[in-house]
Amino acid sequence: MRARVHITLKPGVLDPQGKAIASTLARMGFEGVGEVRQGKYLELDLAETDPEVARARLDAMCARLLANTVIEDYTIDLAE
């Protein structure tokens, strides 16, 4: 089973990298770009075949290592 995990900063959390990206895009002439929020994207191949068990394991992975749940949100997409 393949899992895709998207990790982003929670709303209201300052994103200095996003601001730097937006500023650089503007300086490069890319107009019309508003706020930029950056994040992380992870793909994991799991041996688990039960989607409920896989999601529970991924939640635990995110809570313990992959995401800083104080300032970050995450979403999990599963594909067989």
PDB file of N, CA and C in Angstrom:
ATOM      1  N   MET A   1       0.856  -1.163   0.000  1.00  0.00           N
ATOM      2  CA  MET A   1       0.000   0.000   0.000  1.00  0.00           C
ATOM      3  C   MET A   1       0.904   1.229   0.000  1.00  0.00           C
ATOM      4  N   ARG A   2       0.556   2.200  -0.834  1.00  0.00           N
ATOM      5  CA  ARG A   2       1.315   3.443  -0.903  1.00  0.00           C
ATOM      6  C   ARG A   2       0.564   4.521  -0.141  1.00  0.00           C
ATOM      7  N   ALA A   3       1.301   5.262   0.681  1.00  0.00           N
ATOM      8  CA  ALA A   3       0.734   6.373   1.434  1.00  0.00           C
ATOM      9  C   ALA A   3       1.399   7.656   0.990  1.00  0.00           C
ATOM     10  N   ARG A   4       0.580   8.681   0.840  1.00  0.00           N
ATOM     11  CA  ARG A   4       1.078  10.018   0.543  1.00  0.00           C
ATOM     12  C   ARG A   4       0.697  10.915   1.712  1.00  0.00           C
ATOM     13  N   VAL A   5       1.695  11.569   2.293  1.00  0.00           N
ATOM     14  CA  VAL A   5       1.475  12.419   3.459  1.00  0.00           C
ATOM     15  C   VAL A   5       1.872  13.843   3.083  1.00  0.00           C
ATOM     16  N   HIS A   6       0.930  14.760   3.242  1.00  0.00           N
ATOM     17  CA  HIS A   6       1.175  16.184   3.007  1.00  0.00           C
ATOM     18  C   HIS A   6       1.205  16.870   4.371  1.00  0.00           C
ATOM     19  N   ILE A   7       2.281  17.582   4.640  1.00  0.00           N
ATOM     20  CA  ILE A   7       2.448  18.267   5.922  1.00  0.00           C
ATOM     21  C   ILE A   7       2.573  19.763   5.640  1.00  0.00           C
ATOM     22  N   THR A   8       1.710  20.549   6.282  1.00  0.00           N
ATOM     23  CA  THR A   8       1.720  21.995   6.084  1.00  0.00           C
ATOM     24  C   THR A   8       1.632  22.691   7.430  1.00  0.00           C
ATOM     25  N   LEU A   9       2.085  23.929   7.448  1.00  0.00           N
ATOM     26  CA  LEU A   9       1.963  24.722   8.668  1.00  0.00           C
ATOM     27  C   LEU A   9       0.494  25.032   8.930  1.00  0.00           C
ATOM     28  N   LYS A  10       0.129  25.050  10.183  1.00  0.00           N
ATOM     29  CA  LYS A  10      -1.239  25.388  10.555  1.00  0.00           C
ATOM     30  C   LYS A  10      -1.515  26.849  10.207  1.00  0.00           C
ATOM     31  N   PRO A  11      -2.789  27.168   9.936  1.00  0.00           N
ATOM     32  CA  PRO A  11      -3.137  28.574   9.687  1.00  0.00           C
ATOM     33  C   PRO A  11      -2.707  29.439  10.875  1.00  0.00           C
ATOM     34  N   GLY A  12      -2.175  30.605  10.576  1.00  0.00           N
ATOM     35  CA  GLY A  12      -1.737  31.517  11.628  1.00  0.00           C
ATOM     36  C   GLY A  12      -0.289  31.352  12.036  1.00  0.00           C
ATOM     37  N   VAL A  13       0.344  30.236  11.648  1.00  0.00           N
ATOM     38  CA  VAL A  13       1.757  30.030  11.956  1.00  0.00           C
ATOM     39  C   VAL A  13       2.568  30.739  10.878  1.00  0.00           C
ATOM     40  N   LEU A  14       3.513  31.577  11.297  1.00  0.00           N
ATOM     41  CA  LEU A  14       4.346  32.304  10.347  1.00  0.00           C
ATOM     42  C   LEU A  14       5.150  31.336   9.481  1.00  0.00           C
ATOM     43  N   ASP A  15       5.269  31.668   8.199  1.00  0.00           N
ATOM     44  CA  ASP A  15       5.983  30.822   7.247  1.00  0.00           C
ATOM     45  C   ASP A  15       7.073  31.653   6.562  1.00  0.00           C
ATOM     46  N   PRO A  16       8.241  31.801   7.208  1.00  0.00           N
ATOM     47  CA  PRO A  16       9.291  32.628   6.616  1.00  0.00           C
ATOM     48  C   PRO A  16       9.781  32.095   5.269  1.00  0.00           C
ATOM     49  N   GLN A  17       9.804  30.783   5.085  1.00  0.00           N
ATOM     50  CA  GLN A  17      10.230  30.236   3.791  1.00  0.00           C
ATOM     51  C   GLN A  17       9.217  30.587   2.706  1.00  0.00           C
ATOM     52  N   GLY A  18       7.945  30.513   3.038  1.00  0.00           N
ATOM     53  CA  GLY A  18       6.916  30.892   2.086  1.00  0.00           C
ATOM     54  C   GLY A  18       7.034  32.351   1.690  1.00  0.00           C
ATOM     55  N   LYS A  19       7.306  33.215   2.675  1.00  0.00           N
ATOM     56  CA  LYS A  19       7.484  34.646   2.389  1.00  0.00           C
ATOM     57  C   LYS A  19       8.703  34.875   1.492  1.00  0.00           C
ATOM     58  N   ALA A  20       9.791  34.153   1.754  1.00  0.00           N
ATOM     59  CA  ALA A  20      10.996  34.289   0.933  1.00  0.00           C
ATOM     60  C   ALA A  20      10.728  33.829  -0.498  1.00  0.00           C
ATOM     61  N   ILE A  21       9.986  32.756  -0.656  1.00  0.00           N
ATOM     62  CA  ILE A  21       9.649  32.262  -1.994  1.00  0.00           C
ATOM     63  C   ILE A  21       8.800  33.293  -2.728  1.00  0.00           C
ATOM     64  N   ALA A  22       7.778  33.816  -2.063  1.00  0.00           N
ATOM     65  CA  ALA A  22       6.900  34.808  -2.686  1.00  0.00           C
ATOM     66  C   ALA A  22       7.691  36.054  -3.086  1.00  0.00           C
ATOM     67  N   SER A  23       8.576  36.507  -2.225  1.00  0.00           N
ATOM     68  CA  SER A  23       9.389  37.690  -2.508  1.00  0.00           C
ATOM     69  C   SER A  23      10.306  37.453  -3.700  1.00  0.00           C
ATOM     70  N   THR A  24      10.935  36.302  -3.742  1.00  0.00           N
ATOM     71  CA  THR A  24      11.838  35.986  -4.846  1.00  0.00           C
ATOM     72  C   THR A  24      11.077  35.860  -6.161  1.00  0.00           C
ATOM     73  N   LEU A  25       9.914  35.234  -6.141  1.00  0.00           N
ATOM     74  CA  LEU A  25       9.107  35.136  -7.358  1.00  0.00           C
ATOM     75  C   LEU A  25       8.753  36.522  -7.882  1.00  0.00           C
ATOM     76  N   ALA A  26       8.382  37.431  -6.979  1.00  0.00           N
ATOM     77  CA  ALA A  26       8.038  38.797  -7.393  1.00  0.00           C
ATOM     78  C   ALA A  26       9.244  39.492  -8.021  1.00  0.00           C
ATOM     79  N   ARG A  27      10.417  39.340  -7.393  1.00  0.00           N
ATOM     80  CA  ARG A  27      11.635  39.955  -7.940  1.00  0.00           C
ATOM     81  C   ARG A  27      12.006  39.370  -9.298  1.00  0.00           C
ATOM     82  N   MET A  28      11.637  38.121  -9.529  1.00  0.00           N
ATOM     83  CA  MET A  28      11.934  37.463 -10.810  1.00  0.00           C
ATOM     84  C   MET A  28      10.914  37.826 -11.888  1.00  0.00           C
ATOM     85  N   GLY A  29       9.908  38.614 -11.527  1.00  0.00           N
ATOM     86  CA  GLY A  29       8.930  39.050 -12.517  1.00  0.00           C
ATOM     87  C   GLY A  29       7.667  38.220 -12.584  1.00  0.00           C
ATOM     88  N   PHE A  30       7.511  37.274 -11.692  1.00  0.00           N
ATOM     89  CA  PHE A  30       6.290  36.478 -11.663  1.00  0.00           C
ATOM     90  C   PHE A  30       5.241  37.241 -10.864  1.00  0.00           C
ATOM     91  N   GLU A  31       4.362  37.918 -11.586  1.00  0.00           N
ATOM     92  CA  GLU A  31       3.353  38.759 -10.944  1.00  0.00           C
ATOM     93  C   GLU A  31       2.106  37.947 -10.601  1.00  0.00           C
ATOM     94  N   GLY A  32       1.332  38.490  -9.681  1.00  0.00           N
ATOM     95  CA  GLY A  32       0.047  37.885  -9.353  1.00  0.00           C
ATOM     96  C   GLY A  32       0.118  36.728  -8.375  1.00  0.00           C
ATOM     97  N   VAL A  33       1.275  36.500  -7.783  1.00  0.00           N
ATOM     98  CA  VAL A  33       1.399  35.432  -6.782  1.00  0.00           C
ATOM     99  C   VAL A  33       1.094  36.036  -5.425  1.00  0.00           C
ATOM    100  N   GLY A  34       0.093  35.502  -4.749  1.00  0.00           N
ATOM    101  CA  GLY A  34      -0.262  35.982  -3.418  1.00  0.00           C
ATOM    102  C   GLY A  34       0.583  35.293  -2.366  1.00  0.00           C
ATOM    103  N   GLU A  35      -0.052  34.925  -1.292  1.00  0.00           N
ATOM    104  CA  GLU A  35       0.649  34.261  -0.194  1.00  0.00           C
ATOM    105  C   GLU A  35       1.157  32.896  -0.643  1.00  0.00           C
ATOM    106  N   VAL A  36       2.350  32.548  -0.214  1.00  0.00           N
ATOM    107  CA  VAL A  36       2.936  31.235  -0.486  1.00  0.00           C
ATOM    108  C   VAL A  36       3.112  30.529   0.843  1.00  0.00           C
ATOM    109  N   ARG A  37       2.644  29.300   0.934  1.00  0.00           N
ATOM    110  CA  ARG A  37       2.846  28.453   2.113  1.00  0.00           C
ATOM    111  C   ARG A  37       3.591  27.216   1.634  1.00  0.00           C
ATOM    112  N   GLN A  38       4.684  26.900   2.260  1.00  0.00           N
ATOM    113  CA  GLN A  38       5.451  25.722   1.867  1.00  0.00           C
ATOM    114  C   GLN A  38       5.210  24.598   2.865  1.00  0.00           C
ATOM    115  N   GLY A  39       5.515  23.398   2.448  1.00  0.00           N
ATOM    116  CA  GLY A  39       5.310  22.251   3.323  1.00  0.00           C
ATOM    117  C   GLY A  39       6.183  21.085   2.897  1.00  0.00           C
ATOM    118  N   LYS A  40       5.793  19.887   3.345  1.00  0.00           N
ATOM    119  CA  LYS A  40       6.545  18.673   3.033  1.00  0.00           C
ATOM    120  C   LYS A  40       5.590  17.666   2.397  1.00  0.00           C
ATOM    121  N   TYR A  41       6.134  16.847   1.516  1.00  0.00           N
ATOM    122  CA  TYR A  41       5.389  15.775   0.877  1.00  0.00           C
ATOM    123  C   TYR A  41       6.202  14.504   1.029  1.00  0.00           C
ATOM    124  N   LEU A  42       5.586  13.461   1.539  1.00  0.00           N
ATOM    125  CA  LEU A  42       6.267  12.184   1.748  1.00  0.00           C
ATOM    126  C   LEU A  42       5.467  11.069   1.096  1.00  0.00           C
ATOM    127  N   GLU A  43       6.155  10.105   0.499  1.00  0.00           N
ATOM    128  CA  GLU A  43       5.532   8.883   0.011  1.00  0.00           C
ATOM    129  C   GLU A  43       6.141   7.726   0.777  1.00  0.00           C
ATOM    130  N   LEU A  44       5.280   6.865   1.295  1.00  0.00           N
ATOM    131  CA  LEU A  44       5.736   5.698   2.039  1.00  0.00           C
ATOM    132  C   LEU A  44       5.080   4.457   1.449  1.00  0.00           C
ATOM    133  N   ASP A  45       5.864   3.421   1.215  1.00  0.00           N
ATOM    134  CA  ASP A  45       5.327   2.135   0.806  1.00  0.00           C
ATOM    135  C   ASP A  45       5.195   1.277   2.050  1.00  0.00           C
ATOM    136  N   LEU A  46       3.979   0.824   2.304  1.00  0.00           N
ATOM    137  CA  LEU A  46       3.695   0.032   3.502  1.00  0.00           C
ATOM    138  C   LEU A  46       3.331  -1.389   3.121  1.00  0.00           C
ATOM    139  N   ALA A  47       3.753  -2.346   3.936  1.00  0.00           N
ATOM    140  CA  ALA A  47       3.394  -3.741   3.713  1.00  0.00           C
ATOM    141  C   ALA A  47       1.962  -4.018   4.148  1.00  0.00           C
ATOM    142  N   GLU A  48       1.378  -3.132   4.937  1.00  0.00           N
ATOM    143  CA  GLU A  48       0.019  -3.304   5.463  1.00  0.00           C
ATOM    144  C   GLU A  48      -1.010  -3.297   4.333  1.00  0.00           C
ATOM    145  N   THR A  49      -2.003  -4.182   4.412  1.00  0.00           N
ATOM    146  CA  THR A  49      -3.051  -4.244   3.392  1.00  0.00           C
ATOM    147  C   THR A  49      -4.393  -3.723   3.897  1.00  0.00           C
ATOM    148  N   ASP A  50      -4.541  -3.583   5.193  1.00  0.00           N
ATOM    149  CA  ASP A  50      -5.786  -3.073   5.769  1.00  0.00           C
ATOM    150  C   ASP A  50      -5.691  -1.551   5.873  1.00  0.00           C
ATOM    151  N   PRO A  51      -6.543  -0.814   5.129  1.00  0.00           N
ATOM    152  CA  PRO A  51      -6.449   0.648   5.142  1.00  0.00           C
ATOM    153  C   PRO A  51      -6.622   1.271   6.526  1.00  0.00           C
ATOM    154  N   GLU A  52      -7.487   0.720   7.359  1.00  0.00           N
ATOM    155  CA  GLU A  52      -7.691   1.279   8.698  1.00  0.00           C
ATOM    156  C   GLU A  52      -6.453   1.121   9.560  1.00  0.00           C
ATOM    157  N   VAL A  53      -5.821  -0.031   9.480  1.00  0.00           N
ATOM    158  CA  VAL A  53      -4.591  -0.269  10.239  1.00  0.00           C
ATOM    159  C   VAL A  53      -3.470   0.620   9.702  1.00  0.00           C
ATOM    160  N   ALA A  54      -3.376   0.728   8.377  1.00  0.00           N
ATOM    161  CA  ALA A  54      -2.347   1.576   7.768  1.00  0.00           C
ATOM    162  C   ALA A  54      -2.521   3.031   8.199  1.00  0.00           C
ATOM    163  N   ARG A  55      -3.759   3.529   8.181  1.00  0.00           N
ATOM    164  CA  ARG A  55      -4.008   4.920   8.570  1.00  0.00           C
ATOM    165  C   ARG A  55      -3.641   5.137  10.044  1.00  0.00           C
ATOM    166  N   ALA A  56      -3.968   4.180  10.906  1.00  0.00           N
ATOM    167  CA  ALA A  56      -3.624   4.308  12.324  1.00  0.00           C
ATOM    168  C   ALA A  56      -2.104   4.341  12.514  1.00  0.00           C
ATOM    169  N   ARG A  57      -1.388   3.509  11.784  1.00  0.00           N
ATOM    170  CA  ARG A  57       0.075   3.498  11.881  1.00  0.00           C
ATOM    171  C   ARG A  57       0.659   4.806  11.374  1.00  0.00           C
ATOM    172  N   LEU A  58       0.105   5.310  10.264  1.00  0.00           N
ATOM    173  CA  LEU A  58       0.586   6.580   9.715  1.00  0.00           C
ATOM    174  C   LEU A  58       0.296   7.741  10.661  1.00  0.00           C
ATOM    175  N   ASP A  59      -0.870   7.733  11.300  1.00  0.00           N
ATOM    176  CA  ASP A  59      -1.169   8.765  12.305  1.00  0.00           C
ATOM    177  C   ASP A  59      -0.118   8.745  13.411  1.00  0.00           C
ATOM    178  N   ALA A  60       0.243   7.544  13.857  1.00  0.00           N
ATOM    179  CA  ALA A  60       1.261   7.420  14.904  1.00  0.00           C
ATOM    180  C   ALA A  60       2.618   7.916  14.413  1.00  0.00           C
ATOM    181  N   MET A  61       2.963   7.593  13.165  1.00  0.00           N
ATOM    182  CA  MET A  61       4.237   8.055  12.597  1.00  0.00           C
ATOM    183  C   MET A  61       4.280   9.580  12.529  1.00  0.00           C
ATOM    184  N   CYS A  62       3.178  10.167  12.094  1.00  0.00           N
ATOM    185  CA  CYS A  62       3.117  11.627  11.992  1.00  0.00           C
ATOM    186  C   CYS A  62       3.206  12.279  13.370  1.00  0.00           C
ATOM    187  N   ALA A  63       2.486  11.724  14.319  1.00  0.00           N
ATOM    188  CA  ALA A  63       2.470  12.302  15.667  1.00  0.00           C
ATOM    189  C   ALA A  63       3.827  12.188  16.354  1.00  0.00           C
ATOM    190  N   ARG A  64       4.557  11.111  16.081  1.00  0.00           N
ATOM    191  CA  ARG A  64       5.812  10.881  16.782  1.00  0.00           C
ATOM    192  C   ARG A  64       7.047  11.391  16.058  1.00  0.00           C
ATOM    193  N   LEU A  65       6.992  11.514  14.705  1.00  0.00           N
ATOM    194  CA  LEU A  65       8.215  11.874  13.989  1.00  0.00           C
ATOM    195  C   LEU A  65       7.998  12.793  12.793  1.00  0.00           C
ATOM    196  N   LEU A  66       7.075  12.463  11.935  1.00  0.00           N
ATOM    197  CA  LEU A  66       7.004  13.120  10.636  1.00  0.00           C
ATOM    198  C   LEU A  66       6.508  14.560  10.685  1.00  0.00           C
ATOM    199  N   ALA A  67       5.607  14.868  11.612  1.00  0.00           N
ATOM    200  CA  ALA A  67       5.044  16.223  11.696  1.00  0.00           C
ATOM    201  C   ALA A  67       5.196  16.763  13.112  1.00  0.00           C
ATOM    202  N   ASN A  68       5.374  18.056  13.206  1.00  0.00           N
ATOM    203  CA  ASN A  68       5.344  18.730  14.499  1.00  0.00           C
ATOM    204  C   ASN A  68       3.904  19.181  14.690  1.00  0.00           C
ATOM    205  N   THR A  69       3.118  18.373  15.368  1.00  0.00           N
ATOM    206  CA  THR A  69       1.677  18.608  15.433  1.00  0.00           C
ATOM    207  C   THR A  69       1.294  19.852  16.230  1.00  0.00           C
ATOM    208  N   VAL A  70       2.246  20.493  16.872  1.00  0.00           N
ATOM    209  CA  VAL A  70       1.964  21.759  17.544  1.00  0.00           C
ATOM    210  C   VAL A  70       1.752  22.859  16.504  1.00  0.00           C
ATOM    211  N   ILE A  71       2.558  22.832  15.438  1.00  0.00           N
ATOM    212  CA  ILE A  71       2.484  23.897  14.433  1.00  0.00           C
ATOM    213  C   ILE A  71       2.131  23.389  13.036  1.00  0.00           C
ATOM    214  N   GLU A  72       2.041  22.080  12.844  1.00  0.00           N
ATOM    215  CA  GLU A  72       1.784  21.533  11.514  1.00  0.00           C
ATOM    216  C   GLU A  72       0.541  20.653  11.493  1.00  0.00           C
ATOM    217  N   ASP A  73      -0.160  20.694  10.358  1.00  0.00           N
ATOM    218  CA  ASP A  73      -1.253  19.773  10.062  1.00  0.00           C
ATOM    219  C   ASP A  73      -0.743  18.769   9.041  1.00  0.00           C
ATOM    220  N   TYR A  74      -1.407  17.629   8.958  1.00  0.00           N
ATOM    221  CA  TYR A  74      -1.052  16.663   7.932  1.00  0.00           C
ATOM    222  C   TYR A  74      -2.306  15.978   7.395  1.00  0.00           C
ATOM    223  N   THR A  75      -2.213  15.547   6.143  1.00  0.00           N
ATOM    224  CA  THR A  75      -3.257  14.742   5.538  1.00  0.00           C
ATOM    225  C   THR A  75      -2.623  13.476   4.991  1.00  0.00           C
ATOM    226  N   ILE A  76      -3.395  12.416   4.991  1.00  0.00           N
ATOM    227  CA  ILE A  76      -2.903  11.116   4.532  1.00  0.00           C
ATOM    228  C   ILE A  76      -3.807  10.630   3.405  1.00  0.00           C
ATOM    229  N   ASP A  77      -3.185  10.250   2.284  1.00  0.00           N
ATOM    230  CA  ASP A  77      -3.900   9.628   1.164  1.00  0.00           C
ATOM    231  C   ASP A  77      -3.339   8.230   1.000  1.00  0.00           C
ATOM    232  N   LEU A  78      -4.226   7.246   0.942  1.00  0.00           N
ATOM    233  CA  LEU A  78      -3.807   5.854   0.763  1.00  0.00           C
ATOM    234  C   LEU A  78      -4.219   5.356  -0.625  1.00  0.00           C
ATOM    235  N   ALA A  79      -3.334   4.597  -1.256  1.00  0.00           N
ATOM    236  CA  ALA A  79      -3.623   3.971  -2.540  1.00  0.00           C
ATOM    237  C   ALA A  79      -3.073   2.545  -2.490  1.00  0.00           C
ATOM    238  N   GLU A  80      -3.844   1.635  -3.010  1.00  0.00           N
ATOM    239  CA  GLU A  80      -3.378   0.233  -3.002  1.00  0.00           C
ATOM    240  C   GLU A  80      -2.541  -0.077  -4.205  1.00  0.00           C
TER     241      GLU A  80
END
